């Protein structure tokens, strides 16, 4: 039996990064909620502090910035600064460590389709 986080590649099973799995799950929910968004891919040439997901909250035109972390991890100082600056400017900017955390942030922001999911 393979590990639940394993995927099969050319060289056999390989483990999937837990944050990658969380990102996939959150993106699936954002698609269901019809929130247009994009994954920001970090790297040595990208700006520090950019969040994992960017988009727009439908019907409001409000920018959406979400940093995802696996449970137990926290955003870096650069990531916290980015989120705080954009939240102060009126964007929906937050970090979450679960799909429920993302849905709750959307509900708190008044996005009614998120409230209809019935998550705690």
PDB file of N, CA and C in Angstrom:
ATOM      1  N   UNK A   1       0.850  -1.183   0.000  1.00  0.00           N
ATOM      2  CA  UNK A   1       0.000   0.000   0.000  1.00  0.00           C
ATOM      3  C   UNK A   1       0.889   1.237   0.000  1.00  0.00           C
ATOM      4  N   UNK A   2       0.579   2.188  -0.850  1.00  0.00           N
ATOM      5  CA  UNK A   2       1.417   3.372  -0.948  1.00  0.00           C
ATOM      6  C   UNK A   2       1.029   4.400   0.113  1.00  0.00           C
ATOM      7  N   UNK A   3       1.945   5.285   0.368  1.00  0.00           N
ATOM      8  CA  UNK A   3       1.721   6.385   1.312  1.00  0.00           C
ATOM      9  C   UNK A   3       0.633   7.297   0.766  1.00  0.00           C
ATOM     10  N   UNK A   4      -0.260   7.822   1.617  1.00  0.00           N
ATOM     11  CA  UNK A   4      -1.365   8.657   1.108  1.00  0.00           C
ATOM     12  C   UNK A   4      -0.895   9.938   0.425  1.00  0.00           C
ATOM     13  N   UNK A   5       0.308  10.387   0.724  1.00  0.00           N
ATOM     14  CA  UNK A   5       0.825  11.586   0.068  1.00  0.00           C
ATOM     15  C   UNK A   5       1.737  11.257  -1.104  1.00  0.00           C
ATOM     16  N   UNK A   6       1.776   9.980  -1.506  1.00  0.00           N
ATOM     17  CA  UNK A   6       2.649   9.578  -2.609  1.00  0.00           C
ATOM     18  C   UNK A   6       1.918   9.717  -3.943  1.00  0.00           C
ATOM     19  N   UNK A   7       2.685  10.089  -4.962  1.00  0.00           N
ATOM     20  CA  UNK A   7       2.178  10.126  -6.336  1.00  0.00           C
ATOM     21  C   UNK A   7       3.131   9.297  -7.173  1.00  0.00           C
ATOM     22  N   UNK A   8       2.632   8.746  -8.258  1.00  0.00           N
ATOM     23  CA  UNK A   8       3.489   7.926  -9.093  1.00  0.00           C
ATOM     24  C   UNK A   8       4.069   8.756 -10.217  1.00  0.00           C
ATOM     25  N   UNK A   9       5.354   8.641 -10.386  1.00  0.00           N
ATOM     26  CA  UNK A   9       6.066   9.318 -11.454  1.00  0.00           C
ATOM     27  C   UNK A   9       6.894   8.304 -12.216  1.00  0.00           C
ATOM     28  N   UNK A  10       7.782   8.787 -13.056  1.00  0.00           N
ATOM     29  CA  UNK A  10       8.614   7.909 -13.872  1.00  0.00           C
ATOM     30  C   UNK A  10       9.502   7.011 -13.010  1.00  0.00           C
ATOM     31  N   UNK A  11       9.871   7.483 -11.826  1.00  0.00           N
ATOM     32  CA  UNK A  11      10.756   6.716 -10.951  1.00  0.00           C
ATOM     33  C   UNK A  11      10.006   6.085  -9.783  1.00  0.00           C
ATOM     34  N   UNK A  12       8.717   5.888  -9.927  1.00  0.00           N
ATOM     35  CA  UNK A  12       7.935   5.281  -8.855  1.00  0.00           C
ATOM     36  C   UNK A  12       7.265   6.335  -7.988  1.00  0.00           C
ATOM     37  N   UNK A  13       6.783   5.911  -6.808  1.00  0.00           N
ATOM     38  CA  UNK A  13       6.055   6.856  -5.959  1.00  0.00           C
ATOM     39  C   UNK A  13       6.972   7.952  -5.407  1.00  0.00           C
ATOM     40  N   UNK A  14       6.405   9.139  -5.302  1.00  0.00           N
ATOM     41  CA  UNK A  14       7.132  10.239  -4.679  1.00  0.00           C
ATOM     42  C   UNK A  14       6.161  10.959  -3.758  1.00  0.00           C
ATOM     43  N   UNK A  15       6.687  11.536  -2.705  1.00  0.00           N
ATOM     44  CA  UNK A  15       5.831  12.224  -1.752  1.00  0.00           C
ATOM     45  C   UNK A  15       5.466  13.601  -2.285  1.00  0.00           C
ATOM     46  N   UNK A  16       4.248  14.021  -1.975  1.00  0.00           N
ATOM     47  CA  UNK A  16       3.768  15.346  -2.349  1.00  0.00           C
ATOM     48  C   UNK A  16       3.925  16.244  -1.134  1.00  0.00           C
ATOM     49  N   UNK A  17       4.457  17.432  -1.355  1.00  0.00           N
ATOM     50  CA  UNK A  17       4.601  18.417  -0.301  1.00  0.00           C
ATOM     51  C   UNK A  17       3.221  18.680   0.311  1.00  0.00           C
ATOM     52  N   UNK A  18       3.072  18.636   1.654  1.00  0.00           N
ATOM     53  CA  UNK A  18       1.763  18.866   2.273  1.00  0.00           C
ATOM     54  C   UNK A  18       1.164  20.236   1.922  1.00  0.00           C
ATOM     55  N   UNK A  19       2.006  21.248   1.739  1.00  0.00           N
ATOM     56  CA  UNK A  19       1.481  22.561   1.365  1.00  0.00           C
ATOM     57  C   UNK A  19       0.937  22.539  -0.068  1.00  0.00           C
ATOM     58  N   UNK A  20       1.539  21.738  -0.932  1.00  0.00           N
ATOM     59  CA  UNK A  20       1.033  21.580  -2.295  1.00  0.00           C
ATOM     60  C   UNK A  20      -0.349  20.939  -2.270  1.00  0.00           C
ATOM     61  N   UNK A  21      -0.517  19.938  -1.433  1.00  0.00           N
ATOM     62  CA  UNK A  21      -1.816  19.275  -1.295  1.00  0.00           C
ATOM     63  C   UNK A  21      -2.865  20.260  -0.784  1.00  0.00           C
ATOM     64  N   UNK A  22      -2.524  21.052   0.231  1.00  0.00           N
ATOM     65  CA  UNK A  22      -3.441  22.067   0.751  1.00  0.00           C
ATOM     66  C   UNK A  22      -3.790  23.080  -0.337  1.00  0.00           C
ATOM     67  N   UNK A  23      -2.807  23.511  -1.103  1.00  0.00           N
ATOM     68  CA  UNK A  23      -3.056  24.480  -2.176  1.00  0.00           C
ATOM     69  C   UNK A  23      -4.029  23.916  -3.195  1.00  0.00           C
ATOM     70  N   UNK A  24      -3.853  22.658  -3.568  1.00  0.00           N
ATOM     71  CA  UNK A  24      -4.780  22.019  -4.521  1.00  0.00           C
ATOM     72  C   UNK A  24      -6.205  21.996  -3.979  1.00  0.00           C
ATOM     73  N   UNK A  25      -6.338  21.640  -2.706  1.00  0.00           N
ATOM     74  CA  UNK A  25      -7.664  21.567  -2.090  1.00  0.00           C
ATOM     75  C   UNK A  25      -8.326  22.948  -2.054  1.00  0.00           C
ATOM     76  N   UNK A  26      -7.567  23.959  -1.650  1.00  0.00           N
ATOM     77  CA  UNK A  26      -8.111  25.321  -1.587  1.00  0.00           C
ATOM     78  C   UNK A  26      -8.492  25.801  -2.980  1.00  0.00           C
ATOM     79  N   UNK A  27      -7.651  25.547  -3.967  1.00  0.00           N
ATOM     80  CA  UNK A  27      -7.959  25.988  -5.328  1.00  0.00           C
ATOM     81  C   UNK A  27      -9.216  25.301  -5.855  1.00  0.00           C
ATOM     82  N   UNK A  28      -9.417  24.040  -5.505  1.00  0.00           N
ATOM     83  CA  UNK A  28     -10.651  23.352  -5.903  1.00  0.00           C
ATOM     84  C   UNK A  28     -11.871  24.059  -5.322  1.00  0.00           C
ATOM     85  N   UNK A  29     -11.803  24.441  -4.055  1.00  0.00           N
ATOM     86  CA  UNK A  29     -12.923  25.135  -3.418  1.00  0.00           C
ATOM     87  C   UNK A  29     -13.116  26.517  -4.045  1.00  0.00           C
ATOM     88  N   UNK A  30     -12.035  27.223  -4.334  1.00  0.00           N
ATOM     89  CA  UNK A  30     -12.160  28.544  -4.971  1.00  0.00           C
ATOM     90  C   UNK A  30     -12.814  28.416  -6.343  1.00  0.00           C
ATOM     91  N   UNK A  31     -12.516  27.355  -7.063  1.00  0.00           N
ATOM     92  CA  UNK A  31     -13.175  27.126  -8.364  1.00  0.00           C
ATOM     93  C   UNK A  31     -14.670  26.879  -8.171  1.00  0.00           C
ATOM     94  N   UNK A  32     -15.026  26.081  -7.160  1.00  0.00           N
ATOM     95  CA  UNK A  32     -16.435  25.832  -6.865  1.00  0.00           C
ATOM     96  C   UNK A  32     -17.144  27.142  -6.531  1.00  0.00           C
ATOM     97  N   UNK A  33     -16.467  28.010  -5.775  1.00  0.00           N
ATOM     98  CA  UNK A  33     -17.040  29.299  -5.385  1.00  0.00           C
ATOM     99  C   UNK A  33     -16.949  30.338  -6.497  1.00  0.00           C
ATOM    100  N   UNK A  34     -16.363  29.936  -7.618  1.00  0.00           N
ATOM    101  CA  UNK A  34     -16.229  30.808  -8.792  1.00  0.00           C
ATOM    102  C   UNK A  34     -15.442  32.083  -8.490  1.00  0.00           C
ATOM    103  N   UNK A  35     -14.375  31.935  -7.712  1.00  0.00           N
ATOM    104  CA  UNK A  35     -13.479  33.043  -7.411  1.00  0.00           C
ATOM    105  C   UNK A  35     -12.300  32.958  -8.373  1.00  0.00           C
ATOM    106  N   UNK A  36     -12.205  33.919  -9.313  1.00  0.00           N
ATOM    107  CA  UNK A  36     -11.059  33.870 -10.231  1.00  0.00           C
ATOM    108  C   UNK A  36      -9.772  34.117  -9.453  1.00  0.00           C
ATOM    109  N   UNK A  37      -8.806  33.257  -9.682  1.00  0.00           N
ATOM    110  CA  UNK A  37      -7.548  33.358  -8.925  1.00  0.00           C
ATOM    111  C   UNK A  37      -6.401  32.728  -9.709  1.00  0.00           C
ATOM    112  N   UNK A  38      -5.213  32.992  -9.257  1.00  0.00           N
ATOM    113  CA  UNK A  38      -4.004  32.412  -9.833  1.00  0.00           C
ATOM    114  C   UNK A  38      -3.056  32.027  -8.705  1.00  0.00           C
ATOM    115  N   UNK A  39      -2.272  30.993  -8.951  1.00  0.00           N
ATOM    116  CA  UNK A  39      -1.213  30.572  -8.034  1.00  0.00           C
ATOM    117  C   UNK A  39       0.020  31.404  -8.342  1.00  0.00           C
ATOM    118  N   UNK A  40       0.625  31.948  -7.312  1.00  0.00           N
ATOM    119  CA  UNK A  40       1.876  32.698  -7.463  1.00  0.00           C
ATOM    120  C   UNK A  40       3.015  31.734  -7.168  1.00  0.00           C
ATOM    121  N   UNK A  41       3.876  31.564  -8.145  1.00  0.00           N
ATOM    122  CA  UNK A  41       5.006  30.645  -7.985  1.00  0.00           C
ATOM    123  C   UNK A  41       6.219  31.421  -7.520  1.00  0.00           C
ATOM    124  N   UNK A  42       6.705  31.091  -6.342  1.00  0.00           N
ATOM    125  CA  UNK A  42       7.889  31.758  -5.801  1.00  0.00           C
ATOM    126  C   UNK A  42       9.157  31.162  -6.390  1.00  0.00           C
ATOM    127  N   UNK A  43      10.203  31.894  -6.268  1.00  0.00           N
ATOM    128  CA  UNK A  43      11.491  31.423  -6.754  1.00  0.00           C
ATOM    129  C   UNK A  43      12.553  32.453  -6.450  1.00  0.00           C
ATOM    130  N   UNK A  44      13.776  32.173  -6.848  1.00  0.00           N
ATOM    131  CA  UNK A  44      14.869  33.084  -6.508  1.00  0.00           C
ATOM    132  C   UNK A  44      14.741  34.473  -7.142  1.00  0.00           C
ATOM    133  N   UNK A  45      13.974  34.596  -8.215  1.00  0.00           N
ATOM    134  CA  UNK A  45      13.843  35.894  -8.884  1.00  0.00           C
ATOM    135  C   UNK A  45      12.550  36.627  -8.505  1.00  0.00           C
ATOM    136  N   UNK A  46      11.686  35.997  -7.697  1.00  0.00           N
ATOM    137  CA  UNK A  46      10.422  36.639  -7.341  1.00  0.00           C
ATOM    138  C   UNK A  46      10.587  37.490  -6.082  1.00  0.00           C
ATOM    139  N   UNK A  47       9.681  38.441  -5.913  1.00  0.00           N
ATOM    140  CA  UNK A  47       9.698  39.291  -4.729  1.00  0.00           C
ATOM    141  C   UNK A  47       9.389  38.454  -3.495  1.00  0.00           C
ATOM    142  N   UNK A  48      10.063  38.765  -2.384  1.00  0.00           N
ATOM    143  CA  UNK A  48       9.781  38.078  -1.127  1.00  0.00           C
ATOM    144  C   UNK A  48       8.450  38.573  -0.583  1.00  0.00           C
ATOM    145  N   UNK A  49       7.703  37.657   0.009  1.00  0.00           N
ATOM    146  CA  UNK A  49       6.473  38.032   0.677  1.00  0.00           C
ATOM    147  C   UNK A  49       5.212  37.908  -0.145  1.00  0.00           C
ATOM    148  N   UNK A  50       5.323  37.584  -1.428  1.00  0.00           N
ATOM    149  CA  UNK A  50       4.115  37.446  -2.235  1.00  0.00           C
ATOM    150  C   UNK A  50       3.302  36.246  -1.740  1.00  0.00           C
ATOM    151  N   UNK A  51       1.958  36.388  -1.696  1.00  0.00           N
ATOM    152  CA  UNK A  51       1.138  35.284  -1.197  1.00  0.00           C
ATOM    153  C   UNK A  51       1.014  34.168  -2.233  1.00  0.00           C
ATOM    154  N   UNK A  52       0.520  33.028  -1.792  1.00  0.00           N
ATOM    155  CA  UNK A  52       0.369  31.872  -2.671  1.00  0.00           C
ATOM    156  C   UNK A  52      -0.708  32.065  -3.727  1.00  0.00           C
ATOM    157  N   UNK A  53      -1.812  32.714  -3.353  1.00  0.00           N
ATOM    158  CA  UNK A  53      -2.944  32.869  -4.265  1.00  0.00           C
ATOM    159  C   UNK A  53      -3.361  34.330  -4.354  1.00  0.00           C
ATOM    160  N   UNK A  54      -3.653  34.766  -5.580  1.00  0.00           N
ATOM    161  CA  UNK A  54      -4.184  36.117  -5.791  1.00  0.00           C
ATOM    162  C   UNK A  54      -5.425  36.003  -6.663  1.00  0.00           C
ATOM    163  N   UNK A  55      -6.353  36.926  -6.478  1.00  0.00           N
ATOM    164  CA  UNK A  55      -7.570  36.883  -7.280  1.00  0.00           C
ATOM    165  C   UNK A  55      -8.451  38.074  -6.987  1.00  0.00           C
ATOM    166  N   UNK A  56      -9.719  37.932  -7.335  1.00  0.00           N
ATOM    167  CA  UNK A  56     -10.713  38.980  -7.136  1.00  0.00           C
ATOM    168  C   UNK A  56     -11.987  38.350  -6.596  1.00  0.00           C
ATOM    169  N   UNK A  57     -12.575  38.983  -5.583  1.00  0.00           N
ATOM    170  CA  UNK A  57     -13.832  38.495  -5.027  1.00  0.00           C
ATOM    171  C   UNK A  57     -14.959  38.936  -5.961  1.00  0.00           C
ATOM    172  N   UNK A  58     -15.687  37.981  -6.536  1.00  0.00           N
ATOM    173  CA  UNK A  58     -16.750  38.319  -7.493  1.00  0.00           C
ATOM    174  C   UNK A  58     -17.809  39.250  -6.892  1.00  0.00           C
ATOM    175  N   UNK A  59     -18.286  40.150  -7.741  1.00  0.00           N
ATOM    176  CA  UNK A  59     -19.348  41.055  -7.344  1.00  0.00           C
ATOM    177  C   UNK A  59     -18.889  42.255  -6.554  1.00  0.00           C
ATOM    178  N   UNK A  60     -17.625  42.229  -6.116  1.00  0.00           N
ATOM    179  CA  UNK A  60     -17.127  43.338  -5.300  1.00  0.00           C
ATOM    180  C   UNK A  60     -15.954  44.053  -5.962  1.00  0.00           C
ATOM    181  N   UNK A  61     -15.225  43.330  -6.796  1.00  0.00           N
ATOM    182  CA  UNK A  61     -14.010  43.891  -7.376  1.00  0.00           C
ATOM    183  C   UNK A  61     -12.875  43.952  -6.374  1.00  0.00           C
ATOM    184  N   UNK A  62     -13.097  43.402  -5.198  1.00  0.00           N
ATOM    185  CA  UNK A  62     -12.097  43.450  -4.120  1.00  0.00           C
ATOM    186  C   UNK A  62     -10.982  42.441  -4.388  1.00  0.00           C
ATOM    187  N   UNK A  63      -9.754  42.894  -4.261  1.00  0.00           N
ATOM    188  CA  UNK A  63      -8.607  42.004  -4.453  1.00  0.00           C
ATOM    189  C   UNK A  63      -8.587  40.940  -3.363  1.00  0.00           C
ATOM    190  N   UNK A  64      -8.083  39.768  -3.730  1.00  0.00           N
ATOM    191  CA  UNK A  64      -8.028  38.603  -2.855  1.00  0.00           C
ATOM    192  C   UNK A  64      -6.578  38.123  -2.807  1.00  0.00           C
ATOM    193  N   UNK A  65      -5.998  38.065  -1.602  1.00  0.00           N
ATOM    194  CA  UNK A  65      -4.634  37.575  -1.409  1.00  0.00           C
ATOM    195  C   UNK A  65      -4.654  36.552  -0.278  1.00  0.00           C
ATOM    196  N   UNK A  66      -4.162  35.359  -0.541  1.00  0.00           N
ATOM    197  CA  UNK A  66      -4.183  34.297   0.462  1.00  0.00           C
ATOM    198  C   UNK A  66      -2.828  33.602   0.531  1.00  0.00           C
ATOM    199  N   UNK A  67      -2.264  33.571   1.719  1.00  0.00           N
ATOM    200  CA  UNK A  67      -1.038  32.823   1.985  1.00  0.00           C
ATOM    201  C   UNK A  67      -1.439  31.533   2.673  1.00  0.00           C
ATOM    202  N   UNK A  68      -0.981  30.395   2.168  1.00  0.00           N
ATOM    203  CA  UNK A  68      -1.324  29.098   2.736  1.00  0.00           C
ATOM    204  C   UNK A  68      -0.131  28.503   3.470  1.00  0.00           C
ATOM    205  N   UNK A  69      -0.401  27.952   4.632  1.00  0.00           N
ATOM    206  CA  UNK A  69       0.622  27.295   5.439  1.00  0.00           C
ATOM    207  C   UNK A  69       0.054  25.995   5.975  1.00  0.00           C
ATOM    208  N   UNK A  70       0.896  24.989   6.103  1.00  0.00           N
ATOM    209  CA  UNK A  70       0.429  23.762   6.733  1.00  0.00           C
ATOM    210  C   UNK A  70       0.274  24.041   8.230  1.00  0.00           C
ATOM    211  N   UNK A  71      -0.625  23.314   8.904  1.00  0.00           N
ATOM    212  CA  UNK A  71      -0.826  23.552  10.338  1.00  0.00           C
ATOM    213  C   UNK A  71       0.493  23.507  11.102  1.00  0.00           C
ATOM    214  N   UNK A  72       0.665  24.487  11.972  1.00  0.00           N
ATOM    215  CA  UNK A  72       1.893  24.602  12.765  1.00  0.00           C
ATOM    216  C   UNK A  72       2.881  25.603  12.205  1.00  0.00           C
ATOM    217  N   UNK A  73       2.748  25.955  10.934  1.00  0.00           N
ATOM    218  CA  UNK A  73       3.638  26.949  10.324  1.00  0.00           C
ATOM    219  C   UNK A  73       2.961  28.309  10.298  1.00  0.00           C
ATOM    220  N   UNK A  74       3.761  29.359  10.220  1.00  0.00           N
ATOM    221  CA  UNK A  74       3.261  30.737  10.193  1.00  0.00           C
ATOM    222  C   UNK A  74       3.896  31.474   9.013  1.00  0.00           C
ATOM    223  N   UNK A  75       3.239  32.541   8.546  1.00  0.00           N
ATOM    224  CA  UNK A  75       3.825  33.340   7.458  1.00  0.00           C
ATOM    225  C   UNK A  75       5.137  33.998   7.903  1.00  0.00           C
ATOM    226  N   UNK A  76       5.993  34.239   6.932  1.00  0.00           N
ATOM    227  CA  UNK A  76       7.261  34.937   7.197  1.00  0.00           C
ATOM    228  C   UNK A  76       6.962  36.401   7.494  1.00  0.00           C
ATOM    229  N   UNK A  77       7.915  37.137   8.047  1.00  0.00           N
ATOM    230  CA  UNK A  77       7.701  38.570   8.279  1.00  0.00           C
ATOM    231  C   UNK A  77       7.338  39.311   6.987  1.00  0.00           C
ATOM    232  N   UNK A  78       7.979  38.958   5.869  1.00  0.00           N
ATOM    233  CA  UNK A  78       7.667  39.611   4.590  1.00  0.00           C
ATOM    234  C   UNK A  78       6.233  39.302   4.153  1.00  0.00           C
ATOM    235  N   UNK A  79       5.806  38.075   4.353  1.00  0.00           N
ATOM    236  CA  UNK A  79       4.444  37.701   3.990  1.00  0.00           C
ATOM    237  C   UNK A  79       3.424  38.421   4.865  1.00  0.00           C
ATOM    238  N   UNK A  80       3.703  38.507   6.168  1.00  0.00           N
ATOM    239  CA  UNK A  80       2.794  39.224   7.076  1.00  0.00           C
ATOM    240  C   UNK A  80       2.690  40.692   6.682  1.00  0.00           C
ATOM    241  N   UNK A  81       3.829  41.304   6.346  1.00  0.00           N
ATOM    242  CA  UNK A  81       3.826  42.710   5.937  1.00  0.00           C
ATOM    243  C   UNK A  81       2.991  42.904   4.682  1.00  0.00           C
ATOM    244  N   UNK A  82       3.169  42.029   3.688  1.00  0.00           N
ATOM    245  CA  UNK A  82       2.392  42.129   2.453  1.00  0.00           C
ATOM    246  C   UNK A  82       0.899  42.063   2.758  1.00  0.00           C
ATOM    247  N   UNK A  83       0.494  41.066   3.541  1.00  0.00           N
ATOM    248  CA  UNK A  83      -0.922  40.890   3.851  1.00  0.00           C
ATOM    249  C   UNK A  83      -1.483  42.079   4.628  1.00  0.00           C
ATOM    250  N   UNK A  84      -0.728  42.583   5.595  1.00  0.00           N
ATOM    251  CA  UNK A  84      -1.181  43.733   6.394  1.00  0.00           C
ATOM    252  C   UNK A  84      -1.336  44.976   5.529  1.00  0.00           C
ATOM    253  N   UNK A  85      -0.367  45.240   4.657  1.00  0.00           N
ATOM    254  CA  UNK A  85      -0.441  46.425   3.785  1.00  0.00           C
ATOM    255  C   UNK A  85      -1.648  46.364   2.856  1.00  0.00           C
ATOM    256  N   UNK A  86      -1.881  45.202   2.280  1.00  0.00           N
ATOM    257  CA  UNK A  86      -2.994  45.083   1.334  1.00  0.00           C
ATOM    258  C   UNK A  86      -4.352  45.045   2.030  1.00  0.00           C
ATOM    259  N   UNK A  87      -4.391  44.477   3.220  1.00  0.00           N
ATOM    260  CA  UNK A  87      -5.628  44.510   4.004  1.00  0.00           C
ATOM    261  C   UNK A  87      -5.970  45.955   4.371  1.00  0.00           C
ATOM    262  N   UNK A  88      -4.964  46.723   4.772  1.00  0.00           N
ATOM    263  CA  UNK A  88      -5.174  48.132   5.117  1.00  0.00           C
ATOM    264  C   UNK A  88      -5.652  48.942   3.909  1.00  0.00           C
ATOM    265  N   UNK A  89      -5.287  48.500   2.714  1.00  0.00           N
ATOM    266  CA  UNK A  89      -5.696  49.199   1.492  1.00  0.00           C
ATOM    267  C   UNK A  89      -7.077  48.749   1.007  1.00  0.00           C
ATOM    268  N   UNK A  90      -7.698  47.776   1.701  1.00  0.00           N
ATOM    269  CA  UNK A  90      -9.047  47.355   1.348  1.00  0.00           C
ATOM    270  C   UNK A  90      -9.180  45.988   0.723  1.00  0.00           C
ATOM    271  N   UNK A  91      -8.078  45.303   0.533  1.00  0.00           N
ATOM    272  CA  UNK A  91      -8.127  43.961  -0.057  1.00  0.00           C
ATOM    273  C   UNK A  91      -8.532  42.931   0.994  1.00  0.00           C
ATOM    274  N   UNK A  92      -9.013  41.798   0.535  1.00  0.00           N
ATOM    275  CA  UNK A  92      -9.216  40.648   1.401  1.00  0.00           C
ATOM    276  C   UNK A  92      -7.882  39.925   1.418  1.00  0.00           C
ATOM    277  N   UNK A  93      -7.120  40.106   2.474  1.00  0.00           N
ATOM    278  CA  UNK A  93      -5.763  39.572   2.566  1.00  0.00           C
ATOM    279  C   UNK A  93      -5.621  38.824   3.886  1.00  0.00           C
ATOM    280  N   UNK A  94      -5.269  37.543   3.812  1.00  0.00           N
ATOM    281  CA  UNK A  94      -5.208  36.716   5.008  1.00  0.00           C
ATOM    282  C   UNK A  94      -4.322  35.505   4.765  1.00  0.00           C
ATOM    283  N   UNK A  95      -4.025  34.788   5.837  1.00  0.00           N
ATOM    284  CA  UNK A  95      -3.344  33.510   5.698  1.00  0.00           C
ATOM    285  C   UNK A  95      -4.213  32.452   6.361  1.00  0.00           C
ATOM    286  N   UNK A  96      -4.080  31.220   5.895  1.00  0.00           N
ATOM    287  CA  UNK A  96      -4.880  30.125   6.424  1.00  0.00           C
ATOM    288  C   UNK A  96      -4.073  28.837   6.403  1.00  0.00           C
ATOM    289  N   UNK A  97      -4.461  27.917   7.292  1.00  0.00           N
ATOM    290  CA  UNK A  97      -3.790  26.620   7.319  1.00  0.00           C
ATOM    291  C   UNK A  97      -4.749  25.468   7.029  1.00  0.00           C
ATOM    292  N   UNK A  98      -5.924  25.815   6.453  1.00  0.00           N
ATOM    293  CA  UNK A  98      -6.889  24.780   6.083  1.00  0.00           C
ATOM    294  C   UNK A  98      -7.898  25.355   5.101  1.00  0.00           C
ATOM    295  N   UNK A  99      -8.624  24.462   4.448  1.00  0.00           N
ATOM    296  CA  UNK A  99      -9.698  24.883   3.548  1.00  0.00           C
ATOM    297  C   UNK A  99     -10.769  25.620   4.348  1.00  0.00           C
ATOM    298  N   UNK A 100     -11.078  25.114   5.530  1.00  0.00           N
ATOM    299  CA  UNK A 100     -12.086  25.742   6.381  1.00  0.00           C
ATOM    300  C   UNK A 100     -11.661  27.167   6.732  1.00  0.00           C
ATOM    301  N   UNK A 101     -10.380  27.380   6.999  1.00  0.00           N
ATOM    302  CA  UNK A 101      -9.892  28.724   7.294  1.00  0.00           C
ATOM    303  C   UNK A 101     -10.112  29.687   6.142  1.00  0.00           C
ATOM    304  N   UNK A 102      -9.908  29.218   4.919  1.00  0.00           N
ATOM    305  CA  UNK A 102     -10.129  30.061   3.736  1.00  0.00           C
ATOM    306  C   UNK A 102     -11.617  30.369   3.588  1.00  0.00           C
ATOM    307  N   UNK A 103     -12.464  29.356   3.719  1.00  0.00           N
ATOM    308  CA  UNK A 103     -13.905  29.563   3.596  1.00  0.00           C
ATOM    309  C   UNK A 103     -14.400  30.523   4.674  1.00  0.00           C
ATOM    310  N   UNK A 104     -13.901  30.363   5.897  1.00  0.00           N
ATOM    311  CA  UNK A 104     -14.315  31.263   6.980  1.00  0.00           C
ATOM    312  C   UNK A 104     -13.891  32.702   6.708  1.00  0.00           C
ATOM    313  N   UNK A 105     -12.714  32.911   6.156  1.00  0.00           N
ATOM    314  CA  UNK A 105     -12.274  34.270   5.822  1.00  0.00           C
ATOM    315  C   UNK A 105     -13.188  34.877   4.759  1.00  0.00           C
ATOM    316  N   UNK A 106     -13.588  34.066   3.794  1.00  0.00           N
ATOM    317  CA  UNK A 106     -14.506  34.548   2.754  1.00  0.00           C
ATOM    318  C   UNK A 106     -15.883  34.861   3.340  1.00  0.00           C
ATOM    319  N   UNK A 107     -16.365  34.011   4.268  1.00  0.00           N
ATOM    320  CA  UNK A 107     -17.654  34.262   4.917  1.00  0.00           C
ATOM    321  C   UNK A 107     -17.602  35.560   5.718  1.00  0.00           C
ATOM    322  N   UNK A 108     -16.522  35.744   6.486  1.00  0.00           N
ATOM    323  CA  UNK A 108     -16.369  36.956   7.295  1.00  0.00           C
ATOM    324  C   UNK A 108     -16.319  38.203   6.427  1.00  0.00           C
ATOM    325  N   UNK A 109     -15.817  38.058   5.203  1.00  0.00           N
ATOM    326  CA  UNK A 109     -15.745  39.195   4.280  1.00  0.00           C
ATOM    327  C   UNK A 109     -17.091  39.444   3.602  1.00  0.00           C
ATOM    328  N   UNK A 110     -18.082  38.574   3.882  1.00  0.00           N
ATOM    329  CA  UNK A 110     -19.414  38.770   3.326  1.00  0.00           C
ATOM    330  C   UNK A 110     -19.655  38.101   1.992  1.00  0.00           C
ATOM    331  N   UNK A 111     -18.782  37.199   1.587  1.00  0.00           N
ATOM    332  CA  UNK A 111     -18.993  36.496   0.324  1.00  0.00           C
ATOM    333  C   UNK A 111     -20.002  35.376   0.569  1.00  0.00           C
ATOM    334  N   UNK A 112     -21.246  35.604   0.199  1.00  0.00           N
ATOM    335  CA  UNK A 112     -22.340  34.703   0.559  1.00  0.00           C
ATOM    336  C   UNK A 112     -22.223  33.284  -0.003  1.00  0.00           C
ATOM    337  N   UNK A 113     -21.676  33.059  -1.206  1.00  0.00           N
ATOM    338  CA  UNK A 113     -21.545  31.656  -1.642  1.00  0.00           C
ATOM    339  C   UNK A 113     -20.703  30.820  -0.672  1.00  0.00           C
ATOM    340  N   UNK A 114     -19.715  31.439  -0.023  1.00  0.00           N
ATOM    341  CA  UNK A 114     -18.891  30.699   0.948  1.00  0.00           C
ATOM    342  C   UNK A 114     -19.724  30.274   2.146  1.00  0.00           C
ATOM    343  N   UNK A 115     -20.671  31.122   2.557  1.00  0.00           N
ATOM    344  CA  UNK A 115     -21.519  30.790   3.697  1.00  0.00           C
ATOM    345  C   UNK A 115     -22.432  29.602   3.368  1.00  0.00           C
ATOM    346  N   UNK A 116     -22.768  29.421   2.103  1.00  0.00           N
ATOM    347  CA  UNK A 116     -23.674  28.336   1.702  1.00  0.00           C
ATOM    348  C   UNK A 116     -23.015  26.962   1.723  1.00  0.00           C
ATOM    349  N   UNK A 117     -21.710  26.905   1.862  1.00  0.00           N
ATOM    350  CA  UNK A 117     -21.023  25.609   1.886  1.00  0.00           C
ATOM    351  C   UNK A 117     -21.325  24.843   3.155  1.00  0.00           C
ATOM    352  N   UNK A 118     -21.724  25.535   4.211  1.00  0.00           N
ATOM    353  CA  UNK A 118     -22.085  24.883   5.455  1.00  0.00           C
ATOM    354  C   UNK A 118     -20.924  24.332   6.240  1.00  0.00           C
ATOM    355  N   UNK A 119     -19.741  24.886   6.053  1.00  0.00           N
ATOM    356  CA  UNK A 119     -18.582  24.447   6.828  1.00  0.00           C
ATOM    357  C   UNK A 119     -18.584  25.173   8.179  1.00  0.00           C
ATOM    358  N   UNK A 120     -17.999  24.538   9.211  1.00  0.00           N
ATOM    359  CA  UNK A 120     -17.993  25.167  10.544  1.00  0.00           C
ATOM    360  C   UNK A 120     -17.218  26.468  10.580  1.00  0.00           C
TER     361      UNK A 120
END
